[in-house]
Amino acid sequence: MTKARTLIARLGDTIAEPPLLLLVRQFVFAAREDKIPKLRRYHDELSRWGDSAQAAGSDPLPGADAWVGIGIHKALALSRAHAATAPETLYQRLLEANARNLLTYHIEHQYAVHVSVSSNVGWLDFTHGLTFANAVRQTSTRYPDLWPQGLLQLACFLGRNGAFVDSFADYREWIADDLPQPLARLLARVTDHGQAEYIVSVHWLKLIVAMREELRHGSSETGALVLAATERFIESPKRRRQVRRTAYQSLKFPRARDSSDDYKGCSSVGAESATVVRRMSRTWLRSYSRARCMTARLSHMTRSCCCH
């Protein structure tokens, strides 16, 4: 929604119909990702957001390290425990934590072969935590009642990606002292990216532009982290074709599909109202284990406050 609004504002109302129709179509067919078992705590924590007793006894807000490398349930609980904190302050902490996640992504995971379908997590998944954060800030600033939903969904990104970070990684080499210089260099790279897949170059552009906006609204420390995370994503090698992993998962699929949630195909039928929930990854051989855009997992929830 935020990007469609920006596009219409830039090009004028005469082009509004196509992007708005696409948005409506997406809302109609969007998967209820909040029904996925891994995210079942989301609605529980949202319903408890702002409890008077909890808000009164809230502990001091911890640093971003507290959210790095923990699971979804713990990330949701930790975020809800600090609901009494000003939403803009909690947002900055979650943004920093998502930047830390990207800075410490265990790069060797992209070369692993014997992994389950649910572990098909890579660079693009980590960028979504940052680009979605940008959409959360813009939308919740306009509609403050949506801060709880946006903040908890950011926590979902943190917990989802937390299993694939290297907690001992030294990311200081990516931190720049002069922020405008690396930002200008990254923007220049977009016009000559040399990427064969549009999905990668689009993520380059989306992430750089989103983090440029965040640099204007956060502290210098937060700005240094998000810019460092962006630069690491741009400059690091990316393995896009997973032939051996796809073969392994395809061979495992027929034997495990009846007993494991990891191999139940691209969709499953939920228990409530025959809800169809799209799986987190494509499992067909022709996909090479690559998603068209895996953003749909969290940031395109039917009830999401702001698709990015």
Protein backbone atom coordinates (compact mmCIF):
# COMPACT_ATOMS: atom_id res chain seq x y z
CA MET A 1 0.00 0.00 0.00
CA THR A 2 2.74 2.45 0.87
CA LYS A 3 4.55 1.85 -2.42
CA ALA A 4 1.32 2.15 -4.42
CA ARG A 5 0.58 5.45 -2.70
CA THR A 6 4.07 6.72 -3.49
CA LEU A 7 3.75 5.63 -7.13
CA ILE A 8 0.40 7.36 -7.58
CA ALA A 9 1.69 10.52 -5.91
CA ARG A 10 4.71 10.54 -8.22
CA LEU A 11 2.92 9.78 -11.52
CA GLY A 12 -0.51 11.28 -10.88
CA ASP A 13 -4.08 10.08 -10.39
CA THR A 14 -4.39 9.06 -14.04
CA ILE A 15 -2.41 5.87 -13.34
CA ALA A 16 -4.16 5.07 -10.04
CA GLU A 17 -6.56 2.42 -11.35
CA PRO A 18 -4.06 -0.39 -12.24
CA PRO A 19 -2.14 -0.43 -8.93
CA LEU A 20 -5.33 -0.07 -6.88
CA LEU A 21 -7.00 -2.95 -8.73
CA LEU A 22 -3.90 -5.08 -8.16
CA LEU A 23 -4.03 -4.26 -4.45
CA VAL A 24 -7.70 -5.22 -4.21
CA ARG A 25 -6.99 -8.49 -6.03
CA GLN A 26 -4.16 -9.22 -3.63
CA PHE A 27 -6.33 -8.57 -0.58
CA VAL A 28 -9.01 -10.90 -1.96
CA PHE A 29 -6.62 -13.79 -2.61
CA ALA A 30 -4.14 -13.18 0.19
CA ALA A 31 -3.27 -16.16 2.36
CA ARG A 32 -4.09 -16.14 6.07
CA GLU A 33 -0.48 -16.55 7.11
CA ASP A 34 -1.49 -15.81 10.70
CA LYS A 35 -3.12 -19.27 10.68
CA ILE A 36 0.24 -21.01 10.21
CA PRO A 37 1.05 -22.93 13.43
CA LYS A 38 4.37 -21.11 13.85
CA LEU A 39 2.49 -17.80 14.11
CA ARG A 40 -0.34 -18.96 16.35
CA ARG A 41 0.80 -16.74 19.23
CA TYR A 42 0.39 -13.58 17.18
CA HIS A 43 -3.30 -13.06 17.95
CA ASP A 44 -2.84 -14.05 21.59
CA GLU A 45 -0.14 -11.43 22.10
CA LEU A 46 -2.12 -8.84 20.14
CA SER A 47 -5.18 -9.38 22.35
CA ARG A 48 -3.01 -8.80 25.45
CA TRP A 49 -1.30 -5.70 24.09
CA GLY A 50 -1.59 -2.82 26.50
CA ASP A 51 -2.96 -4.75 29.50
CA SER A 52 -3.04 -2.21 32.31
CA ALA A 53 -1.18 -4.42 34.81
CA GLN A 54 1.45 -5.40 32.28
CA ALA A 55 1.89 -1.82 31.08
CA ALA A 56 2.33 -0.49 34.61
CA GLY A 57 5.06 -2.99 35.45
CA SER A 58 6.96 -2.87 32.18
CA ASP A 59 10.73 -3.33 32.53
CA PRO A 60 13.24 -1.01 30.85
CA LEU A 61 13.50 -1.61 27.13
CA PRO A 62 16.43 -3.95 26.39
CA GLY A 63 18.88 -3.51 23.56
CA ALA A 64 18.45 -4.99 20.10
CA ASP A 65 20.58 -7.99 21.13
CA ALA A 66 17.66 -9.29 23.21
CA TRP A 67 15.64 -9.98 20.04
CA VAL A 68 18.43 -11.49 17.93
CA GLY A 69 18.48 -15.27 17.53
CA ILE A 70 15.29 -16.02 19.46
CA GLY A 71 12.20 -17.80 18.16
CA ILE A 72 8.88 -16.36 17.08
CA HIS A 73 7.08 -17.00 20.37
CA LYS A 74 9.80 -15.37 22.46
CA ALA A 75 10.10 -12.41 20.08
CA LEU A 76 6.35 -11.82 20.27
CA ALA A 77 6.27 -12.12 24.06
CA LEU A 78 9.25 -9.80 24.50
CA SER A 79 7.71 -7.17 22.24
CA ARG A 80 4.33 -7.34 23.98
CA ALA A 81 6.02 -7.11 27.38
CA HIS A 82 7.19 -3.62 26.40
CA ALA A 83 3.87 -2.38 25.04
CA ALA A 84 4.05 0.51 27.53
CA THR A 85 7.09 1.85 25.68
CA ALA A 86 6.41 4.60 23.14
CA PRO A 87 5.70 2.78 19.86
CA GLU A 88 8.25 4.84 17.95
CA THR A 89 10.95 3.83 20.46
CA LEU A 90 10.03 0.15 20.36
CA TYR A 91 9.93 0.35 16.58
CA GLN A 92 13.50 1.65 16.44
CA ARG A 93 14.64 -1.24 18.62
CA LEU A 94 12.91 -3.82 16.40
CA LEU A 95 14.35 -2.15 13.29
CA GLU A 96 17.83 -2.38 14.80
CA ALA A 97 17.25 -6.05 15.65
CA ASN A 98 16.14 -6.84 12.09
CA ALA A 99 19.24 -5.07 10.80
CA ARG A 100 21.35 -7.17 13.17
CA ASN A 101 19.66 -10.29 11.82
CA LEU A 102 20.67 -9.38 8.28
CA LEU A 103 24.19 -8.49 9.39
CA THR A 104 24.63 -11.87 11.06
CA TYR A 105 22.82 -14.11 8.57
CA HIS A 106 24.78 -17.37 8.47
CA ILE A 107 25.89 -17.22 4.86
CA GLU A 108 26.85 -20.90 4.78
CA HIS A 109 23.18 -21.83 5.11
CA GLN A 110 22.61 -20.99 1.45
CA TYR A 111 25.04 -23.79 0.51
CA ALA A 112 23.41 -26.45 2.73
CA VAL A 113 21.75 -29.36 0.93
CA HIS A 114 20.04 -31.53 3.55
CA VAL A 115 17.52 -29.05 4.90
CA SER A 116 13.74 -29.16 5.19
CA VAL A 117 11.43 -27.13 2.98
CA SER A 118 10.56 -24.88 5.91
CA SER A 119 14.24 -23.95 6.16
CA ASN A 120 14.44 -22.52 2.64
CA VAL A 121 15.42 -19.14 4.03
CA GLY A 122 17.86 -16.83 2.30
CA TRP A 123 18.97 -13.26 1.75
CA LEU A 124 15.65 -11.99 0.42
CA ASP A 125 13.81 -13.23 3.50
CA PHE A 126 16.07 -11.17 5.73
CA THR A 127 15.54 -8.01 3.66
CA HIS A 128 11.78 -8.28 4.17
CA GLY A 129 12.14 -7.53 7.87
CA LEU A 130 13.66 -4.15 6.98
CA THR A 131 11.44 -3.16 4.05
CA PHE A 132 8.35 -4.16 6.01
CA ALA A 133 9.59 -2.07 8.93
CA ASN A 134 9.68 0.96 6.65
CA ALA A 135 6.06 0.30 5.66
CA VAL A 136 5.06 -0.15 9.33
CA ARG A 137 6.51 3.22 10.30
CA GLN A 138 4.87 5.08 7.44
CA THR A 139 1.45 3.49 7.89
CA SER A 140 1.37 3.55 11.70
CA THR A 141 2.44 7.19 11.74
CA ARG A 142 -0.68 7.96 9.73
CA TYR A 143 -2.89 5.48 11.60
CA PRO A 144 -1.49 5.13 15.15
CA ASP A 145 -4.00 2.42 16.12
CA LEU A 146 -2.06 0.03 13.87
CA TRP A 147 1.21 0.23 15.83
CA PRO A 148 0.56 -2.98 17.84
CA GLN A 149 -0.10 -5.07 14.72
CA GLY A 150 2.92 -3.65 12.92
CA LEU A 151 5.29 -4.10 15.85
CA LEU A 152 4.21 -7.68 16.51
CA GLN A 153 4.58 -8.58 12.85
CA LEU A 154 8.10 -7.16 12.94
CA ALA A 155 8.71 -9.49 15.89
CA CYS A 156 7.47 -12.38 13.72
CA PHE A 157 10.14 -11.56 11.14
CA LEU A 158 12.76 -11.49 13.87
CA GLY A 159 11.75 -14.85 15.28
CA ARG A 160 11.35 -16.49 11.87
CA ASN A 161 14.84 -15.50 10.72
CA GLY A 162 16.47 -15.92 14.12
CA ALA A 163 17.26 -19.58 13.53
CA PHE A 164 19.53 -18.72 10.62
CA VAL A 165 21.89 -16.19 12.17
CA ASP A 166 25.44 -16.61 13.45
CA SER A 167 25.37 -15.14 16.93
CA PHE A 168 29.18 -14.95 17.02
CA ALA A 169 29.58 -13.13 13.70
CA ASP A 170 31.60 -9.92 13.79
CA TYR A 171 29.67 -7.40 11.72
CA ARG A 172 31.70 -4.32 12.67
CA GLU A 173 33.53 -4.33 9.35
CA TRP A 174 30.29 -3.27 7.64
CA ILE A 175 29.70 -0.25 9.91
CA ALA A 176 30.55 3.03 8.18
CA ASP A 177 31.52 6.27 9.89
CA ASP A 178 30.37 8.50 7.04
CA LEU A 179 26.80 7.43 6.21
CA PRO A 180 26.16 9.57 3.08
CA GLN A 181 29.14 8.09 1.22
CA PRO A 182 28.10 4.39 1.27
CA LEU A 183 24.47 5.38 0.64
CA ALA A 184 25.46 7.26 -2.52
CA ARG A 185 27.58 4.30 -3.63
CA LEU A 186 24.70 1.86 -3.11
CA LEU A 187 22.27 4.06 -5.05
CA ALA A 188 24.74 4.20 -7.93
CA ARG A 189 24.98 0.40 -7.92
CA VAL A 190 21.25 0.08 -8.58
CA THR A 191 21.57 1.64 -12.03
CA ASP A 192 24.27 -0.87 -12.98
CA HIS A 193 23.41 -3.88 -10.82
CA GLY A 194 24.41 -6.66 -13.22
CA GLN A 195 21.84 -9.06 -11.77
CA ALA A 196 20.23 -11.59 -14.11
CA GLU A 197 17.04 -11.95 -12.04
CA TYR A 198 14.68 -9.03 -11.70
CA ILE A 199 13.58 -10.23 -8.27
CA VAL A 200 17.08 -9.61 -6.93
CA SER A 201 17.52 -6.19 -8.52
CA VAL A 202 14.06 -5.14 -7.32
CA HIS A 203 15.00 -6.14 -3.78
CA TRP A 204 18.19 -4.09 -4.13
CA LEU A 205 16.18 -1.03 -5.08
CA LYS A 206 13.41 -1.60 -2.53
CA LEU A 207 15.79 -2.09 0.36
CA ILE A 208 18.09 0.83 -0.48
CA VAL A 209 15.21 3.29 -0.90
CA ALA A 210 13.49 2.08 2.27
CA MET A 211 16.65 2.37 4.36
CA ARG A 212 17.38 5.81 2.91
CA GLU A 213 14.04 6.89 4.37
CA GLU A 214 14.83 5.28 7.73
CA LEU A 215 18.12 7.18 7.91
CA ARG A 216 16.09 10.37 8.05
CA HIS A 217 13.93 9.27 10.98
CA GLY A 218 16.16 7.28 13.32
CA SER A 219 19.27 7.89 15.39
CA SER A 220 22.74 7.80 13.90
CA GLU A 221 23.37 4.43 15.59
CA THR A 222 20.25 2.93 14.02
CA GLY A 223 21.15 4.49 10.68
CA ALA A 224 24.62 2.97 10.77
CA LEU A 225 23.16 -0.50 11.44
CA VAL A 226 20.51 -0.43 8.70
CA LEU A 227 22.97 0.94 6.16
CA ALA A 228 25.55 -1.70 7.11
CA ALA A 229 22.91 -4.42 6.72
CA THR A 230 21.95 -3.05 3.31
CA GLU A 231 25.56 -2.99 2.16
CA ARG A 232 26.18 -6.54 3.34
CA PHE A 233 23.15 -7.74 1.38
CA ILE A 234 24.29 -5.96 -1.78
CA GLU A 235 27.95 -6.98 -1.61
CA SER A 236 27.64 -10.62 -0.45
CA PRO A 237 27.48 -13.64 -2.78
CA LYS A 238 24.03 -15.10 -3.35
CA ARG A 239 23.30 -18.67 -4.32
CA ARG A 240 20.07 -18.51 -6.29
CA ARG A 241 19.83 -22.04 -7.73
CA GLN A 242 19.56 -24.90 -5.28
CA VAL A 243 19.59 -27.94 -7.58
CA ARG A 244 20.91 -30.48 -5.07
CA ARG A 245 18.71 -29.16 -2.27
CA THR A 246 15.66 -29.29 -4.53
CA ALA A 247 16.46 -32.87 -5.52
CA TYR A 248 16.89 -33.85 -1.86
CA GLN A 249 13.61 -32.25 -0.82
CA SER A 250 11.78 -33.76 -3.78
CA LEU A 251 12.99 -37.24 -2.86
CA LYS A 252 11.99 -36.70 0.76
CA PHE A 253 8.59 -35.32 -0.13
CA PRO A 254 6.72 -38.55 -1.07
CA ARG A 255 7.89 -40.33 2.09
CA ALA A 256 7.32 -37.50 4.52
CA ARG A 257 4.26 -35.65 3.26
CA ASP A 258 1.85 -37.72 5.35
CA SER A 259 3.75 -37.31 8.60
CA SER A 260 5.57 -33.99 8.59
CA ASP A 261 4.44 -30.39 8.31
CA ASP A 262 7.65 -29.60 6.45
CA TYR A 263 6.55 -31.56 3.39
CA LYS A 264 2.88 -30.87 2.92
CA GLY A 265 3.27 -29.14 -0.40
CA CYS A 266 2.58 -25.57 -1.25
CA SER A 267 -0.72 -25.34 0.60
CA SER A 268 -2.56 -26.95 3.46
CA VAL A 269 -6.13 -26.80 4.66
CA GLY A 270 -6.60 -25.22 8.06
CA ALA A 271 -8.97 -26.51 10.72
CA GLU A 272 -11.14 -23.42 10.78
CA SER A 273 -13.61 -22.62 8.00
CA ALA A 274 -11.63 -24.71 5.50
CA THR A 275 -9.08 -21.91 5.31
CA VAL A 276 -6.39 -22.58 2.73
CA VAL A 277 -2.97 -21.50 3.92
CA ARG A 278 -0.18 -21.12 1.40
CA ARG A 279 3.07 -22.76 2.47
CA MET A 280 6.26 -20.79 3.00
CA SER A 281 8.13 -22.12 -0.02
CA ARG A 282 7.58 -23.54 -3.47
CA THR A 283 8.45 -27.21 -3.63
CA TRP A 284 8.18 -27.97 -7.32
CA LEU A 285 11.31 -29.00 -9.18
CA ARG A 286 10.97 -26.26 -11.74
CA SER A 287 11.15 -23.61 -9.01
CA TYR A 288 14.74 -24.50 -8.03
CA SER A 289 13.49 -23.85 -4.47
CA ARG A 290 13.19 -20.19 -5.37
CA ALA A 291 10.17 -18.06 -4.64
CA ARG A 292 8.86 -15.41 -6.98
CA CYS A 293 8.85 -13.25 -3.91
CA MET A 294 8.65 -14.81 -0.46
CA THR A 295 7.30 -11.54 0.96
CA ALA A 296 3.83 -13.06 1.12
CA ARG A 297 4.68 -15.02 4.23
CA LEU A 298 4.23 -12.22 6.74
CA SER A 299 4.00 -8.82 5.12
CA HIS A 300 1.05 -9.88 2.96
CA MET A 301 -1.10 -11.24 5.76
CA THR A 302 -4.78 -10.73 5.02
CA ARG A 303 -4.97 -8.66 8.19
CA SER A 304 -1.62 -7.00 7.77
CA CYS A 305 -1.70 -3.29 8.43
CA CYS A 306 0.66 -2.46 5.60
CA CYS A 307 1.90 -4.56 2.71
CA HIS A 308 5.31 -3.37 1.55
